[in-house]
């Protein structure tokens, strides 16, 4: 399995998926990568990563780019690598 090989995993979802396709309360301990393109995340659930746009601009890359941030507890200085 992927985690046994030393890779981090996360469940990539959006508001529709959380609301209609999954029981988020059964996913305790699973890292959540939330996709929501608004000024603030539009979810009632906790998440670890937030993809806030799919039309970002990054020097050296032509075309639109996904932009994400990792949500860390206040005072934390340890970031995890983004799942591939």
N, C-alpha and C. Protein backbone atom coordinates (compact mmCIF):
# COMPACT_ATOMS: atom_id res chain seq x y z
N UNK A 1 0.83 -1.19 0.00
CA UNK A 1 0.00 0.00 0.00
C UNK A 1 0.86 1.24 0.00
N UNK A 2 0.29 2.34 -0.36
CA UNK A 2 1.04 3.59 -0.56
C UNK A 2 1.70 4.05 0.73
N UNK A 3 0.97 4.03 1.83
CA UNK A 3 1.53 4.49 3.09
C UNK A 3 2.64 3.57 3.58
N UNK A 4 2.51 2.27 3.32
CA UNK A 4 3.55 1.32 3.71
C UNK A 4 4.87 1.60 2.98
N UNK A 5 4.79 2.23 1.83
CA UNK A 5 5.97 2.60 1.06
C UNK A 5 6.55 3.95 1.51
N UNK A 6 5.94 4.56 2.54
CA UNK A 6 6.48 5.80 3.09
C UNK A 6 5.89 7.08 2.54
N UNK A 7 4.83 6.98 1.74
CA UNK A 7 4.20 8.17 1.16
C UNK A 7 3.03 8.62 2.03
N UNK A 8 2.84 9.93 2.13
CA UNK A 8 1.66 10.47 2.79
C UNK A 8 0.49 10.43 1.81
N UNK A 9 -0.70 10.28 2.36
CA UNK A 9 -1.90 10.29 1.52
C UNK A 9 -2.89 11.30 2.08
N UNK A 10 -3.82 11.70 1.23
CA UNK A 10 -4.90 12.60 1.64
C UNK A 10 -6.09 12.34 0.73
N UNK A 11 -7.26 12.61 1.26
CA UNK A 11 -8.50 12.50 0.49
C UNK A 11 -8.80 13.87 -0.10
N UNK A 12 -8.84 13.96 -1.42
CA UNK A 12 -9.13 15.21 -2.12
C UNK A 12 -10.64 15.29 -2.33
N UNK A 13 -11.25 16.36 -1.83
CA UNK A 13 -12.70 16.49 -1.94
C UNK A 13 -13.09 17.96 -2.03
N UNK A 14 -14.37 18.18 -2.26
CA UNK A 14 -14.94 19.53 -2.29
C UNK A 14 -16.24 19.51 -1.51
N UNK A 15 -16.95 20.63 -1.49
CA UNK A 15 -18.18 20.72 -0.72
C UNK A 15 -19.21 19.70 -1.17
N UNK A 16 -19.34 19.49 -2.47
CA UNK A 16 -20.30 18.51 -2.98
C UNK A 16 -19.95 17.11 -2.48
N UNK A 17 -18.70 16.74 -2.57
CA UNK A 17 -18.27 15.42 -2.12
C UNK A 17 -18.50 15.23 -0.64
N UNK A 18 -18.17 16.23 0.16
CA UNK A 18 -18.38 16.14 1.60
C UNK A 18 -19.85 16.02 1.95
N UNK A 19 -20.68 16.73 1.23
CA UNK A 19 -22.10 16.80 1.55
C UNK A 19 -22.88 15.58 1.06
N UNK A 20 -22.59 15.14 -0.16
CA UNK A 20 -23.44 14.14 -0.79
C UNK A 20 -22.78 12.78 -1.03
N UNK A 21 -21.47 12.68 -0.94
CA UNK A 21 -20.82 11.43 -1.32
C UNK A 21 -20.11 10.71 -0.17
N UNK A 22 -19.85 11.40 0.93
CA UNK A 22 -19.09 10.79 2.02
C UNK A 22 -19.71 11.11 3.36
N UNK A 23 -19.40 10.25 4.33
CA UNK A 23 -19.70 10.56 5.72
C UNK A 23 -18.39 11.01 6.35
N UNK A 24 -18.20 12.30 6.43
CA UNK A 24 -16.93 12.85 6.88
C UNK A 24 -16.58 12.44 8.31
N UNK A 25 -17.59 12.13 9.11
CA UNK A 25 -17.33 11.74 10.49
C UNK A 25 -16.68 10.36 10.56
N UNK A 26 -16.76 9.57 9.50
CA UNK A 26 -16.12 8.25 9.47
C UNK A 26 -14.67 8.33 8.99
N UNK A 27 -14.18 9.51 8.73
CA UNK A 27 -12.84 9.67 8.17
C UNK A 27 -11.85 10.23 9.19
N UNK A 28 -12.10 9.96 10.45
CA UNK A 28 -11.21 10.44 11.51
C UNK A 28 -9.79 9.91 11.25
N UNK A 29 -8.82 10.79 11.29
CA UNK A 29 -7.44 10.40 11.09
C UNK A 29 -6.98 10.47 9.63
N UNK A 30 -7.90 10.71 8.71
CA UNK A 30 -7.56 10.83 7.29
C UNK A 30 -7.27 12.30 6.99
N UNK A 31 -6.14 12.57 6.35
CA UNK A 31 -5.85 13.94 5.94
C UNK A 31 -6.82 14.33 4.82
N UNK A 32 -7.37 15.54 4.94
CA UNK A 32 -8.34 16.03 3.95
C UNK A 32 -7.71 17.17 3.17
N UNK A 33 -7.81 17.08 1.87
CA UNK A 33 -7.35 18.12 0.95
C UNK A 33 -8.61 18.70 0.33
N UNK A 34 -9.04 19.86 0.84
CA UNK A 34 -10.31 20.47 0.45
C UNK A 34 -10.11 21.42 -0.72
N UNK A 35 -10.96 21.28 -1.72
CA UNK A 35 -10.94 22.15 -2.89
C UNK A 35 -12.17 23.05 -2.85
N UNK A 36 -11.95 24.34 -2.68
CA UNK A 36 -13.04 25.30 -2.64
C UNK A 36 -12.54 26.65 -3.10
N UNK A 37 -13.08 27.13 -4.19
CA UNK A 37 -12.58 28.35 -4.82
C UNK A 37 -13.40 29.56 -4.39
N UNK A 38 -13.21 29.97 -3.16
CA UNK A 38 -13.88 31.16 -2.64
C UNK A 38 -12.88 31.89 -1.74
N UNK A 39 -13.28 33.05 -1.26
CA UNK A 39 -12.37 33.85 -0.44
C UNK A 39 -11.98 33.14 0.85
N UNK A 40 -12.91 32.39 1.40
CA UNK A 40 -12.65 31.56 2.58
C UNK A 40 -13.18 30.16 2.30
N UNK A 41 -12.64 29.13 2.94
CA UNK A 41 -13.12 27.77 2.69
C UNK A 41 -14.59 27.63 3.09
N UNK A 42 -15.39 27.07 2.20
CA UNK A 42 -16.83 26.94 2.45
C UNK A 42 -17.17 25.51 2.87
N UNK A 43 -16.66 25.12 4.03
CA UNK A 43 -16.91 23.79 4.57
C UNK A 43 -17.05 23.88 6.08
N UNK A 44 -17.83 22.99 6.63
CA UNK A 44 -17.96 22.94 8.09
C UNK A 44 -17.00 21.94 8.71
N UNK A 45 -16.29 21.19 7.87
CA UNK A 45 -15.39 20.14 8.35
C UNK A 45 -13.96 20.65 8.41
N UNK A 46 -13.14 19.97 9.21
CA UNK A 46 -11.74 20.33 9.30
C UNK A 46 -10.99 19.74 8.10
N UNK A 47 -9.90 20.35 7.73
CA UNK A 47 -9.11 19.88 6.61
C UNK A 47 -7.66 20.25 6.84
N UNK A 48 -6.77 19.60 6.10
CA UNK A 48 -5.34 19.81 6.26
C UNK A 48 -4.73 20.68 5.17
N UNK A 49 -5.27 20.57 3.97
CA UNK A 49 -4.81 21.35 2.83
C UNK A 49 -6.01 22.02 2.18
N UNK A 50 -5.80 23.20 1.62
CA UNK A 50 -6.88 23.91 0.93
C UNK A 50 -6.40 24.34 -0.45
N UNK A 51 -7.04 23.81 -1.47
CA UNK A 51 -6.81 24.29 -2.84
C UNK A 51 -7.78 25.44 -3.05
N UNK A 52 -7.25 26.66 -3.11
CA UNK A 52 -8.13 27.83 -3.16
C UNK A 52 -8.33 28.38 -4.56
N UNK A 53 -7.59 27.87 -5.54
CA UNK A 53 -7.82 28.27 -6.93
C UNK A 53 -7.21 27.23 -7.86
N UNK A 54 -7.74 27.18 -9.06
CA UNK A 54 -7.15 26.36 -10.11
C UNK A 54 -6.72 27.23 -11.29
N UNK A 55 -6.66 28.53 -11.04
CA UNK A 55 -6.26 29.47 -12.09
C UNK A 55 -5.10 30.36 -11.62
N UNK A 56 -4.23 29.82 -10.79
CA UNK A 56 -3.10 30.58 -10.29
C UNK A 56 -2.04 30.79 -11.36
N UNK A 57 -1.14 31.70 -11.06
CA UNK A 57 -0.03 32.03 -11.96
C UNK A 57 1.27 31.80 -11.21
N UNK A 58 2.17 31.03 -11.83
CA UNK A 58 3.48 30.76 -11.25
C UNK A 58 4.53 31.04 -12.32
N UNK A 59 5.53 31.84 -11.96
CA UNK A 59 6.61 32.14 -12.91
C UNK A 59 7.23 30.85 -13.43
N UNK A 60 7.44 30.77 -14.73
CA UNK A 60 8.08 29.62 -15.33
C UNK A 60 7.13 28.53 -15.77
N UNK A 61 5.84 28.68 -15.45
CA UNK A 61 4.84 27.69 -15.85
C UNK A 61 3.82 28.39 -16.73
N UNK A 62 3.60 27.84 -17.91
CA UNK A 62 2.58 28.45 -18.78
C UNK A 62 1.24 27.80 -18.48
N UNK A 63 0.21 28.60 -18.46
CA UNK A 63 -1.13 28.10 -18.18
C UNK A 63 -1.49 28.21 -16.72
N UNK A 64 -2.73 27.84 -16.43
CA UNK A 64 -3.25 27.92 -15.06
C UNK A 64 -2.61 26.87 -14.16
N UNK A 65 -2.47 27.21 -12.88
CA UNK A 65 -1.85 26.35 -11.89
C UNK A 65 -2.74 26.29 -10.65
N UNK A 66 -2.88 25.10 -10.07
CA UNK A 66 -3.57 24.97 -8.79
C UNK A 66 -2.70 25.61 -7.71
N UNK A 67 -3.32 26.36 -6.80
CA UNK A 67 -2.60 26.93 -5.66
C UNK A 67 -3.24 26.40 -4.39
N UNK A 68 -2.40 25.94 -3.47
CA UNK A 68 -2.85 25.31 -2.24
C UNK A 68 -2.07 25.86 -1.06
N UNK A 69 -2.66 25.73 0.13
CA UNK A 69 -1.95 26.03 1.36
C UNK A 69 -2.21 24.90 2.34
N UNK A 70 -1.25 24.71 3.23
CA UNK A 70 -1.41 23.72 4.28
C UNK A 70 -1.87 24.42 5.54
N UNK A 71 -2.89 23.87 6.17
CA UNK A 71 -3.42 24.45 7.40
C UNK A 71 -2.67 23.83 8.57
N UNK A 72 -2.03 24.67 9.39
CA UNK A 72 -1.26 24.20 10.53
C UNK A 72 -1.83 24.79 11.81
N UNK A 73 -1.74 24.04 12.91
CA UNK A 73 -2.18 24.60 14.20
C UNK A 73 -1.37 25.83 14.56
N UNK A 74 -1.98 26.75 15.26
CA UNK A 74 -1.30 27.96 15.70
C UNK A 74 -0.04 27.60 16.46
N UNK A 75 1.06 28.21 16.10
CA UNK A 75 2.33 27.96 16.77
C UNK A 75 3.14 26.83 16.17
N UNK A 76 2.56 26.10 15.24
CA UNK A 76 3.28 24.99 14.61
C UNK A 76 4.23 25.53 13.56
N UNK A 77 5.40 24.92 13.48
CA UNK A 77 6.35 25.34 12.46
C UNK A 77 6.74 24.17 11.55
N UNK A 78 6.01 23.07 11.63
CA UNK A 78 6.36 21.89 10.85
C UNK A 78 5.33 21.67 9.76
N UNK A 79 5.72 21.87 8.54
CA UNK A 79 4.86 21.61 7.40
C UNK A 79 5.12 20.22 6.86
N UNK A 80 4.10 19.61 6.30
CA UNK A 80 4.23 18.29 5.66
C UNK A 80 4.30 18.50 4.15
N UNK A 81 4.93 17.57 3.45
CA UNK A 81 4.91 17.68 1.99
C UNK A 81 3.49 17.44 1.48
N UNK A 82 3.15 18.10 0.38
CA UNK A 82 1.84 17.86 -0.25
C UNK A 82 1.82 16.45 -0.81
N UNK A 83 0.70 15.73 -0.65
CA UNK A 83 0.61 14.41 -1.29
C UNK A 83 0.70 14.56 -2.80
N UNK A 84 1.28 13.58 -3.45
CA UNK A 84 1.40 13.64 -4.92
C UNK A 84 0.15 13.10 -5.56
